Structures are given as C-alpha cells and as structure tokens.
Amino acid sequence: MPFPRGKKPTVTAGSKIPKLQTATTTENQEEGPQVKRSSSPPHGAPKKRTAFIDITNAHKVQISLPGRKKETSKKQAKKTSSTSVSAKNQANLKKSSSVSSEGTSAEREKTDTEEEEEEAQRDVATPVEELVVAAPPAAVEVPAHLQKQAIPEEFDIDSENSEDCYMCPEYAKEIFDYLKQREEKFVLCDYMPQQPSLNPEMRAILIDWLVEVQENFELYHETLYLAVKMTDHYLSQTPVHREMLQLVGSTAMLIASKFEERSPPCVDDFLYICDDAYKREELISTEASILQKLSFDINIPIPYRFLRRYAKCVSAGMDTLTLARYYCEMSLMEMELVSERGSLLASACLLMALVTKDLGGWSPILQFHSGYQMSDLAPVVRKLHTMLLAPPDDKLRAIRNKYSHKVFFEVASLPLVNVDILEKALSQ
C-alpha cells in the first residue's frame, strides 16, 4: 500500500503496519482487536499482497532475473543494512527524549526517502549504448511460390464481401486452393474387395439411413458429408462385420457432429437412433478406433464446400444450387464415385445443374477458381447422368424424399437432362 506523501509513520517494535481504511477494515476493528503478526516487514516497505506465498515469508523468496544479479544483491545488502540501522535507531529512540526522538526520526526518514529515490533512478537509468536503435533489416524479397496470386478483375468474386470478415475475402481463394491440395492426401479407391462381409448395397443402405439421421437431428449438410468420408476412410483400412456397420456409421456421425455442429447430439442420442443395438462402451471404443485409424486428421475436404464456392462464381440462384446439391448428395451412395476428389465431383454436379437449367456451360471464371477444364469434368458428368438415369430403389428413398419437399424447391421431381443436350454441352 503506498504511503501518503510527507512524513511516514514510524514503525516501532510491537507496532502495527498502517492499513488501508476501508469499510471492511473498519468493521473488523469494531468487532475485536487485530491479530498481531509474527513478523513485520522491513521499515518503509509497502504492504505486500500475494496469491501463493504468505506475506510473512515474502522476504525469503528470491527471484533471479537474467542480467539483474548484481543489482539484486546490492539492493538486498542495502535493505539488510537499512534494517539493522533501523533496529539500532529504534533502540536509541527508547533512551532519548520525545523531542529529540521526533527530530531523529524525521531526519532518518528523510535520508531513507532520498536513498529510495536514488535507487529508483538507478533502476530506471539506461546505459547510453542501449539507447542506440538498431537499423531496420533490409527488405527481403518474397519467393515466387509464396507470393499472393493476382486475381483478374473479371474473376474477382470476393471483393463484394470486403466488409464481411466472416467471408474471409482476403484469403478465400487461398483457403480453397489449400483444401484442393489436401484432397491428394485423402484419395480413396474401391475398398469393397477388402471387406468380406460387406458389399456396395449395404454401404448405400447405411448412407440412406445417415441422411435420415441428419434430417431428424437437423444437422448441417457438412456433417453428413464428413461422416460419409470418415466412414469410407475407416472401412478402407479396417475390415468390419456387417452387424457392426451401423455402429461405424453412427459413430462417424457423432465425430462429425463434434467437428461441425455448435450443439452436437450426445452419445445417448446415437444409441437411441440405433434402437439400443449397441452399448455405450462399444460406441466410445469405436470412436477411439476411428480417430486412431485416421490419425486424428478428420479435416477432410468435402464436395459440399466446393459446390457452394463454385456456385458463387456464376451467381447461381438457390434453386440451381439446390439441384446441384441433390446430384451431389445422390453421389454419396454410389461406390463408383468414392474415388473422385470432392472438388471435381462438386464441379461436375454444378455443370449438370447449369445444363439442366439451360444456364450455360463451364465458363472461364469457373475454370479459374476450380482449376478444371471441360475435359476433366466430362467423365464424372457421364457417371452422374448414368446413376440418375437408373430406376430408383424403393429401399433407398431418403434423399429423393428429402429433395422432393418445397423447402428444396422439389428438385428431385425435375426431369433429367437429355443425354444429347448434355453431350453437346460437354463438347464445347
């Protein structure tokens, strides 16, 4: 506690340290006498407060700072001598008269004050050589591969969001380029030959059920896509019995919910939707197994994010985007499309939606942001068209029923584009 300016109170043997007069201390004084401390701080020292060390032992704690050892030792020596001198002066004060005592005390306090001021000035003083400001380093030229790519004005789709920090307009292009590079780490192949108890139909039934789970829990579409991706990566590394396939899918949805959702469902919710076919310990054990097999790297690029980005390039309406999302979600059940990269699959779905709506083909701005030419998309577009042209399975109706609702513009009921029109668009 800082003392008021002027004359400092004299601390004698058995006297109390002056305290800050607050409402609390006043009430404590009225309730009863103050408890005398076993030791008192050095003369002239402010009242110390600490969270972890008793203030009576504060003088025993030594803190070493680099470059301040000599100054610290000098200060300790000075404090020790000041304490011894203070003790002697207190003994002499008892023998002297009150008038001479007051004069001596005032003179001693003045001397201590001057010493403290000189000590503070020495602490603040800085050598002249330390005041020399170092010259700024010379500008280093940024390597070409680290320089930010210049975006032509006609391809700039992020400047309109310059005031929206959530859209990250300065880094949006770099973010999606990075996600496109990460896709190479998560390339899959047809893993069904490694699963003796499974087949593509069982996988399609599982994904159809996951779509219903996503609707019932009102989860994000990103959660659904990520759960399917994690399930495929886990099945590509671990043989799973058909009776445990639903456990793997629901656990992957749980992990994806923790990654994507603000309020993810709990473990009991997933046990309930599985009709209590599995125990809590089994689900938690499966969760640990999936994370370990994926090396805890679950930030897998999904086609849904690329689809929204590419639709923005051509200012596609919500009905066109929803149609492309319908194609993209239907592709989740197709084992033949598991090996396709998410960015390529999203581009093919958007191209099919644009051709179906007669909104043009693959424009230069889409080529710039996606990095794909029409020749890259043609094989995937043909696979999508063949998949959608096949008669629907009555057991796999979740996605078609979902996109037949008015909320999704009833895009599932739209007629599929003619193959001749599609081939004409692909040949441009």
Protein backbone atom coordinates (compact mmCIF):
# COMPACT_ATOMS: atom_id res chain seq x y z
CA MET A 1 0.00 0.00 0.00
CA PRO A 2 1.56 3.33 -0.94
CA PHE A 3 2.00 5.74 1.98
CA PRO A 4 0.79 9.36 1.70
CA ARG A 5 3.37 11.91 0.81
CA GLY A 6 5.14 13.72 3.57
CA LYS A 7 6.13 12.24 6.86
CA LYS A 8 6.00 8.47 7.06
CA PRO A 9 4.70 6.72 10.16
CA THR A 10 7.43 5.36 12.40
CA VAL A 11 7.37 1.60 12.80
CA THR A 12 8.45 0.60 16.27
CA ALA A 13 8.70 -2.79 17.92
CA GLY A 14 5.24 -4.17 18.52
CA SER A 15 3.50 -1.52 16.46
CA LYS A 16 1.08 -2.40 13.65
CA ILE A 17 1.52 -1.73 9.95
CA PRO A 18 -0.83 1.05 8.82
CA LYS A 19 -3.74 -0.41 6.85
CA LEU A 20 -6.00 0.99 4.17
CA GLN A 21 -9.09 2.35 5.92
CA THR A 22 -11.96 0.68 4.14
CA ALA A 23 -15.40 -0.38 5.23
CA THR A 24 -14.18 -3.90 5.79
CA THR A 25 -11.22 -2.99 7.98
CA THR A 26 -13.33 -0.57 10.00
CA GLU A 27 -15.89 -3.27 10.71
CA ASN A 28 -13.13 -5.70 11.68
CA GLN A 29 -11.65 -3.18 14.09
CA GLU A 30 -15.01 -2.69 15.76
CA GLU A 31 -15.60 -6.41 16.15
CA GLY A 32 -12.42 -7.09 18.10
CA PRO A 33 -8.67 -6.48 18.42
CA GLN A 34 -6.45 -7.16 15.45
CA VAL A 35 -4.29 -10.31 15.48
CA LYS A 36 -0.63 -9.42 15.82
CA ARG A 37 1.56 -10.83 13.05
CA SER A 38 4.56 -12.93 13.96
CA SER A 39 6.93 -10.74 11.93
CA SER A 40 6.88 -7.29 10.42
CA PRO A 41 8.15 -6.16 7.00
CA PRO A 42 11.30 -4.06 6.64
CA HIS A 43 10.98 -0.37 7.52
CA GLY A 44 9.48 1.75 4.77
CA ALA A 45 8.35 -1.24 2.67
CA PRO A 46 4.81 -1.16 1.24
CA LYS A 47 2.25 -3.71 2.28
CA LYS A 48 2.70 -6.84 0.15
CA ARG A 49 -0.06 -8.98 -1.31
CA THR A 50 0.49 -12.33 -2.98
CA ALA A 51 -1.74 -15.15 -4.12
CA PHE A 52 0.53 -18.13 -3.43
CA ILE A 53 3.09 -17.10 -0.74
CA ASP A 54 2.38 -15.95 2.81
CA ILE A 55 3.34 -12.30 3.18
CA THR A 56 5.31 -13.08 6.34
CA ASN A 57 7.67 -15.25 4.25
CA ALA A 58 7.77 -12.98 1.22
CA HIS A 59 11.25 -11.70 2.10
CA LYS A 60 12.60 -15.27 1.89
CA VAL A 61 11.62 -15.73 -1.76
CA GLN A 62 14.33 -14.85 -4.24
CA ILE A 63 13.53 -14.32 -7.91
CA SER A 64 16.50 -14.33 -10.25
CA LEU A 65 16.29 -12.35 -13.44
CA PRO A 66 18.90 -12.53 -16.21
CA GLY A 67 21.23 -9.58 -16.14
CA ARG A 68 19.99 -8.28 -12.76
CA LYS A 69 22.02 -10.41 -10.32
CA LYS A 70 24.41 -7.65 -9.31
CA GLU A 71 21.67 -5.08 -8.80
CA THR A 72 19.60 -7.53 -6.78
CA SER A 73 22.48 -8.37 -4.47
CA LYS A 74 23.20 -4.66 -3.95
CA LYS A 75 19.56 -3.99 -3.12
CA GLN A 76 19.45 -6.90 -0.68
CA ALA A 77 22.61 -5.70 1.01
CA LYS A 78 21.20 -2.18 1.24
CA LYS A 79 17.90 -3.46 2.66
CA THR A 80 19.76 -5.58 5.21
CA SER A 81 21.88 -2.67 6.32
CA SER A 82 18.83 -0.43 6.37
CA THR A 83 17.04 -2.93 8.59
CA SER A 84 19.94 -3.19 11.02
CA VAL A 85 20.26 0.58 11.17
CA SER A 86 16.54 0.88 11.78
CA ALA A 87 16.77 -1.61 14.68
CA LYS A 88 19.60 0.37 16.26
CA ASN A 89 17.73 3.61 15.82
CA GLN A 90 14.67 2.14 17.46
CA ALA A 91 16.76 1.10 20.48
CA ASN A 92 18.23 4.59 20.71
CA LEU A 93 14.81 6.16 20.39
CA LYS A 94 13.66 4.47 23.59
CA LYS A 95 16.51 6.12 25.54
CA SER A 96 16.13 9.60 24.06
CA SER A 97 13.51 12.22 24.84
CA SER A 98 10.35 12.60 22.79
CA VAL A 99 11.50 15.90 21.17
CA SER A 100 14.85 14.56 20.09
CA SER A 101 13.16 11.31 19.07
CA GLU A 102 10.87 13.10 16.65
CA GLY A 103 13.77 15.06 15.14
CA THR A 104 15.92 11.99 14.73
CA SER A 105 13.06 10.02 13.24
CA ALA A 106 12.24 12.74 10.73
CA GLU A 107 15.89 13.06 9.75
CA ARG A 108 16.28 9.31 9.34
CA GLU A 109 13.10 9.02 7.25
CA LYS A 110 14.27 11.84 5.04
CA THR A 111 17.53 10.04 4.48
CA ASP A 112 15.71 6.78 3.67
CA THR A 113 13.44 8.60 1.23
CA GLU A 114 16.41 10.10 -0.58
CA GLU A 115 18.08 6.70 -0.79
CA GLU A 116 14.92 5.14 -2.23
CA GLU A 117 14.61 7.89 -4.86
CA GLU A 118 18.27 7.48 -5.86
CA GLU A 119 17.82 3.73 -6.05
CA ALA A 120 14.72 4.12 -8.25
CA GLN A 121 16.62 6.49 -10.55
CA ARG A 122 19.44 3.98 -10.88
CA ASP A 123 16.92 1.28 -11.80
CA VAL A 124 15.31 3.47 -14.46
CA ALA A 125 18.54 4.77 -15.88
CA THR A 126 19.58 3.16 -19.12
CA PRO A 127 23.13 3.00 -20.47
CA VAL A 128 23.80 5.15 -23.47
CA GLU A 129 24.75 2.19 -25.62
CA GLU A 130 21.31 0.63 -25.01
CA LEU A 131 19.61 3.72 -26.45
CA VAL A 132 21.08 3.11 -29.88
CA VAL A 133 18.25 1.98 -32.13
CA ALA A 134 19.14 -0.90 -34.41
CA ALA A 135 18.74 -0.22 -38.09
CA PRO A 136 15.71 -1.94 -39.67
CA PRO A 137 16.57 -5.07 -41.62
CA ALA A 138 16.70 -4.83 -45.36
CA ALA A 139 13.53 -5.82 -47.18
CA VAL A 140 13.64 -9.45 -48.23
CA GLU A 141 12.04 -10.36 -51.50
CA VAL A 142 9.23 -12.89 -51.12
CA PRO A 143 9.82 -16.08 -53.17
CA ALA A 144 7.63 -16.52 -56.19
CA HIS A 145 5.83 -19.59 -54.79
CA LEU A 146 4.87 -17.64 -51.64
CA GLN A 147 3.60 -14.54 -53.38
CA LYS A 148 -0.16 -13.99 -53.39
CA GLN A 149 -1.71 -14.84 -56.71
CA ALA A 150 -3.08 -11.85 -58.56
CA ILE A 151 -6.77 -12.30 -59.33
CA PRO A 152 -8.01 -10.64 -62.54
CA GLU A 153 -10.78 -8.16 -62.00
CA GLU A 154 -13.29 -10.13 -64.06
CA PHE A 155 -12.66 -13.22 -61.87
CA ASP A 156 -12.82 -11.43 -58.53
CA ILE A 157 -15.82 -12.74 -56.58
CA ASP A 158 -14.70 -11.79 -53.07
CA SER A 159 -14.30 -8.00 -53.21
CA GLU A 160 -18.04 -7.57 -52.77
CA ASN A 161 -17.64 -9.10 -49.30
CA SER A 162 -14.78 -6.83 -48.27
CA GLU A 163 -16.72 -5.61 -45.23
CA ASP A 164 -17.74 -9.10 -44.09
CA CYS A 165 -14.93 -10.59 -42.03
CA TYR A 166 -16.72 -13.95 -41.77
CA MET A 167 -16.35 -14.47 -45.51
CA CYS A 168 -12.53 -14.02 -45.31
CA PRO A 169 -12.42 -12.13 -48.65
CA GLU A 170 -8.65 -11.59 -48.46
CA TYR A 171 -7.89 -15.31 -48.15
CA ALA A 172 -10.90 -17.09 -49.69
CA LYS A 173 -9.07 -18.08 -52.86
CA GLU A 174 -6.04 -19.32 -50.90
CA ILE A 175 -8.27 -21.28 -48.49
CA PHE A 176 -9.95 -23.25 -51.26
CA ASP A 177 -6.66 -23.77 -53.07
CA TYR A 178 -5.31 -25.25 -49.85
CA LEU A 179 -8.34 -27.52 -49.47
CA LYS A 180 -7.86 -28.66 -53.06
CA GLN A 181 -4.23 -29.56 -52.28
CA ARG A 182 -5.29 -31.51 -49.16
CA GLU A 183 -7.54 -33.68 -51.28
CA GLU A 184 -4.47 -35.54 -52.54
CA LYS A 185 -3.94 -36.86 -49.02
CA PHE A 186 -7.44 -38.37 -48.84
CA VAL A 187 -7.77 -40.13 -52.19
CA LEU A 188 -9.74 -43.37 -51.89
CA CYS A 189 -10.14 -46.44 -54.08
CA ASP A 190 -12.68 -49.25 -54.25
CA TYR A 191 -12.13 -50.94 -50.89
CA MET A 192 -15.01 -53.43 -51.08
CA PRO A 193 -12.74 -56.35 -52.08
CA GLN A 194 -11.08 -55.89 -48.66
CA GLN A 195 -14.44 -56.21 -46.87
CA PRO A 196 -15.50 -59.87 -46.93
CA SER A 197 -18.77 -59.20 -45.07
CA LEU A 198 -19.86 -56.04 -46.91
CA ASN A 199 -20.98 -55.02 -50.40
CA PRO A 200 -21.91 -51.73 -52.12
CA GLU A 201 -25.62 -52.25 -51.43
CA MET A 202 -25.01 -52.40 -47.68
CA ARG A 203 -23.00 -49.21 -47.84
CA ALA A 204 -25.80 -47.47 -49.77
CA ILE A 205 -28.34 -48.57 -47.14
CA LEU A 206 -26.11 -47.14 -44.41
CA ILE A 207 -25.78 -43.77 -46.16
CA ASP A 208 -29.53 -43.65 -46.81
CA TRP A 209 -30.02 -44.13 -43.05
CA LEU A 210 -27.45 -41.42 -42.24
CA VAL A 211 -29.41 -38.98 -44.39
CA GLU A 212 -32.47 -39.66 -42.23
CA VAL A 213 -30.36 -39.13 -39.09
CA GLN A 214 -29.15 -35.80 -40.46
CA GLU A 215 -32.74 -34.71 -41.08
CA ASN A 216 -34.09 -35.88 -37.73
CA PHE A 217 -31.34 -34.17 -35.76
CA GLU A 218 -31.41 -31.13 -38.10
CA LEU A 219 -27.66 -31.32 -38.60
CA TYR A 220 -25.64 -29.37 -41.16
CA HIS A 221 -25.07 -30.91 -44.57
CA GLU A 222 -21.34 -30.62 -43.92
CA THR A 223 -21.80 -33.04 -41.01
CA LEU A 224 -23.37 -35.64 -43.28
CA TYR A 225 -20.65 -35.38 -45.93
CA LEU A 226 -17.86 -35.55 -43.36
CA ALA A 227 -19.43 -38.59 -41.68
CA VAL A 228 -19.59 -40.43 -45.02
CA LYS A 229 -15.97 -39.54 -45.76
CA MET A 230 -14.75 -40.79 -42.38
CA THR A 231 -16.75 -43.99 -42.77
CA ASP A 232 -15.18 -44.67 -46.17
CA HIS A 233 -11.66 -43.99 -44.92
CA TYR A 234 -12.18 -46.24 -41.90
CA LEU A 235 -13.63 -49.07 -43.99
CA SER A 236 -10.71 -48.78 -46.40
CA GLN A 237 -8.33 -49.67 -43.54
CA THR A 238 -10.34 -51.91 -41.21
CA PRO A 239 -12.46 -54.99 -42.03
CA VAL A 240 -15.89 -54.61 -40.41
CA HIS A 241 -18.59 -57.21 -39.92
CA ARG A 242 -22.00 -56.35 -41.36
CA GLU A 243 -23.57 -56.29 -37.90
CA MET A 244 -21.17 -53.54 -36.84
CA LEU A 245 -21.59 -51.37 -39.94
CA GLN A 246 -24.34 -49.26 -38.41
CA LEU A 247 -22.20 -48.70 -35.33
CA VAL A 248 -19.36 -47.41 -37.51
CA GLY A 249 -21.69 -45.06 -39.41
CA SER A 250 -23.38 -43.64 -36.31
CA THR A 251 -20.03 -43.17 -34.56
CA ALA A 252 -18.65 -41.34 -37.61
CA MET A 253 -21.72 -39.09 -37.50
CA LEU A 254 -21.04 -38.42 -33.81
CA ILE A 255 -17.44 -37.39 -34.55
CA ALA A 256 -18.53 -35.22 -37.48
CA SER A 257 -21.14 -33.54 -35.25
CA LYS A 258 -18.46 -32.66 -32.72
CA PHE A 259 -16.37 -31.19 -35.52
CA GLU A 260 -19.08 -29.23 -37.36
CA GLU A 261 -22.02 -28.56 -35.07
CA ARG A 262 -22.48 -25.86 -32.46
CA SER A 263 -24.63 -28.18 -30.30
CA PRO A 264 -23.83 -31.76 -31.31
CA PRO A 265 -26.06 -34.63 -30.20
CA CYS A 266 -24.80 -36.66 -27.27
CA VAL A 267 -23.83 -40.32 -27.15
CA ASP A 268 -27.20 -41.38 -25.77
CA ASP A 269 -28.94 -39.83 -28.78
CA PHE A 270 -26.97 -42.01 -31.17
CA LEU A 271 -27.57 -45.08 -29.04
CA TYR A 272 -31.29 -44.31 -29.20
CA ILE A 273 -31.41 -43.99 -33.01
CA CYS A 274 -29.65 -47.35 -33.22
CA ASP A 275 -32.54 -48.82 -31.21
CA ASP A 276 -30.14 -49.68 -28.38
CA ALA A 277 -28.49 -52.32 -30.55
CA TYR A 278 -25.09 -51.29 -29.17
CA LYS A 279 -23.77 -50.42 -25.74
CA ARG A 280 -22.26 -47.13 -24.71
CA GLU A 281 -18.84 -48.71 -24.24
CA GLU A 282 -18.94 -50.11 -27.78
CA LEU A 283 -19.67 -46.70 -29.31
CA ILE A 284 -16.92 -44.98 -27.33
CA SER A 285 -14.47 -47.73 -28.24
CA THR A 286 -15.41 -47.41 -31.93
CA GLU A 287 -14.92 -43.65 -31.73
CA ALA A 288 -11.38 -44.12 -30.43
CA SER A 289 -10.69 -46.71 -33.14
CA ILE A 290 -11.87 -44.41 -35.96
CA LEU A 291 -9.82 -41.47 -34.71
CA GLN A 292 -6.70 -43.61 -34.36
CA LYS A 293 -7.08 -45.11 -37.84
CA LEU A 294 -7.44 -41.61 -39.30
CA SER A 295 -4.51 -40.34 -37.20
CA PHE A 296 -6.91 -37.75 -35.71
CA ASP A 297 -6.85 -35.89 -39.03
CA ILE A 298 -10.56 -35.52 -39.74
CA ASN A 299 -10.50 -32.19 -41.57
CA ILE A 300 -11.23 -33.95 -44.84
CA PRO A 301 -12.19 -31.73 -47.80
CA ILE A 302 -15.80 -32.43 -48.75
CA PRO A 303 -17.54 -31.63 -52.07
CA TYR A 304 -20.30 -29.60 -50.39
CA ARG A 305 -17.91 -26.73 -49.54
CA PHE A 306 -16.53 -26.59 -53.10
CA LEU A 307 -20.05 -26.65 -54.51
CA ARG A 308 -21.11 -23.53 -52.65
CA ARG A 309 -17.91 -21.77 -53.67
CA TYR A 310 -18.22 -22.58 -57.36
CA ALA A 311 -21.93 -21.68 -57.44
CA LYS A 312 -20.97 -18.24 -56.19
CA CYS A 313 -18.68 -17.79 -59.19
CA VAL A 314 -21.66 -17.75 -61.57
CA SER A 315 -24.11 -16.16 -59.11
CA ALA A 316 -26.28 -19.25 -59.30
CA GLY A 317 -29.73 -18.98 -57.77
CA MET A 318 -30.79 -21.01 -54.78
CA ASP A 319 -32.86 -23.34 -56.95
CA THR A 320 -29.85 -24.10 -59.18
CA LEU A 321 -27.59 -24.64 -56.18
CA THR A 322 -30.16 -26.93 -54.58
CA LEU A 323 -30.37 -29.01 -57.77
CA ALA A 324 -26.59 -29.38 -57.76
CA ARG A 325 -26.72 -30.34 -54.09
CA TYR A 326 -29.28 -33.03 -54.91
CA TYR A 327 -26.96 -34.53 -57.53
CA CYS A 328 -24.03 -34.31 -55.13
CA GLU A 329 -25.91 -36.00 -52.27
CA MET A 330 -27.12 -38.78 -54.55
CA SER A 331 -23.49 -39.43 -55.50
CA LEU A 332 -22.70 -40.32 -51.87
CA MET A 333 -24.41 -43.69 -52.30
CA GLU A 334 -22.54 -44.59 -55.48
CA MET A 335 -19.50 -46.73 -54.79
CA GLU A 336 -18.07 -45.93 -58.21
CA LEU A 337 -17.75 -42.24 -57.26
CA VAL A 338 -15.95 -42.79 -53.94
CA SER A 339 -12.57 -42.38 -55.61
CA GLU A 340 -13.41 -38.98 -57.11
CA ARG A 341 -12.00 -35.87 -55.48
CA GLY A 342 -14.52 -33.61 -53.79
CA SER A 343 -13.70 -30.54 -55.86
CA LEU A 344 -14.04 -32.47 -59.13
CA LEU A 345 -17.32 -34.06 -58.04
CA ALA A 346 -18.74 -30.68 -56.99
CA SER A 347 -17.75 -29.17 -60.35
CA ALA A 348 -19.46 -31.99 -62.25
CA CYS A 349 -22.67 -31.64 -60.20
CA LEU A 350 -22.76 -27.88 -60.78
CA LEU A 351 -22.19 -28.32 -64.51
CA MET A 352 -25.08 -30.78 -64.71
CA ALA A 353 -27.33 -28.35 -62.85
CA LEU A 354 -26.35 -25.47 -65.16
CA VAL A 355 -27.04 -27.54 -68.26
CA THR A 356 -30.36 -28.77 -66.84
CA LYS A 357 -31.41 -25.19 -66.12
CA ASP A 358 -30.07 -24.02 -69.51
CA LEU A 359 -27.76 -21.51 -67.82
CA GLY A 360 -24.68 -22.16 -69.93
CA GLY A 361 -21.67 -24.40 -69.58
CA TRP A 362 -18.32 -24.31 -67.84
CA SER A 363 -17.38 -20.63 -68.04
CA PRO A 364 -13.83 -19.18 -67.79
CA ILE A 365 -14.45 -17.90 -64.26
CA LEU A 366 -15.30 -21.45 -63.15
CA GLN A 367 -12.17 -22.75 -64.84
CA PHE A 368 -10.11 -20.16 -62.98
CA HIS A 369 -11.45 -20.89 -59.48
CA SER A 370 -11.85 -24.66 -59.81
CA GLY A 371 -8.77 -25.40 -61.88
CA TYR A 372 -10.71 -27.87 -64.05
CA GLN A 373 -11.33 -27.83 -67.76
CA MET A 374 -14.36 -29.28 -69.51
CA SER A 375 -12.32 -32.35 -70.48
CA ASP A 376 -11.68 -33.05 -66.78
CA LEU A 377 -15.37 -32.96 -65.92
CA ALA A 378 -16.79 -34.96 -68.82
CA PRO A 379 -16.12 -38.49 -67.41
CA VAL A 380 -17.60 -37.65 -64.00
CA VAL A 381 -20.64 -35.94 -65.52
CA ARG A 382 -21.39 -39.06 -67.56
CA LYS A 383 -21.16 -41.24 -64.45
CA LEU A 384 -23.58 -38.93 -62.64
CA HIS A 385 -26.04 -38.99 -65.51
CA THR A 386 -25.96 -42.80 -65.66
CA MET A 387 -26.51 -43.01 -61.90
CA LEU A 388 -29.53 -40.67 -62.00
CA LEU A 389 -30.95 -42.39 -65.06
CA ALA A 390 -31.16 -45.77 -63.29
CA PRO A 391 -34.56 -46.67 -61.83
CA PRO A 392 -34.82 -45.68 -58.17
CA ASP A 393 -34.63 -48.32 -55.48
CA ASP A 394 -37.68 -48.35 -53.23
CA LYS A 395 -35.46 -49.11 -50.23
CA LEU A 396 -33.28 -46.03 -50.83
CA ARG A 397 -35.75 -43.17 -50.88
CA ALA A 398 -34.37 -40.84 -48.18
CA ILE A 399 -32.55 -38.41 -50.49
CA ARG A 400 -35.29 -38.34 -53.14
CA ASN A 401 -37.97 -37.74 -50.49
CA LYS A 402 -35.83 -35.06 -48.88
CA TYR A 403 -35.37 -33.07 -52.10
CA SER A 404 -38.99 -33.53 -53.12
CA HIS A 405 -40.01 -31.10 -50.39
CA LYS A 406 -40.94 -27.49 -51.13
CA VAL A 407 -38.10 -26.29 -48.93
CA PHE A 408 -35.71 -27.77 -51.52
CA PHE A 409 -37.71 -26.47 -54.50
CA GLU A 410 -38.86 -30.04 -55.28
CA VAL A 411 -35.75 -30.51 -57.41
CA ALA A 412 -35.97 -34.31 -57.17
CA SER A 413 -39.08 -34.22 -59.35
CA LEU A 414 -37.40 -32.27 -62.16
CA PRO A 415 -36.81 -34.27 -65.36
CA LEU A 416 -33.26 -35.35 -66.06
CA VAL A 417 -31.49 -33.52 -68.88
CA ASN A 418 -31.42 -35.29 -72.22
CA VAL A 419 -28.20 -37.11 -72.96
CA ASP A 420 -27.83 -35.41 -76.35
CA ILE A 421 -28.07 -31.95 -74.80
CA LEU A 422 -25.57 -32.99 -72.17
CA GLU A 423 -23.08 -34.32 -74.71
CA LYS A 424 -23.41 -31.13 -76.73
CA ALA A 425 -22.53 -29.08 -73.66
CA LEU A 426 -19.58 -31.35 -72.87
CA SER A 427 -18.19 -31.00 -76.38
CA GLN A 428 -17.91 -27.22 -76.18
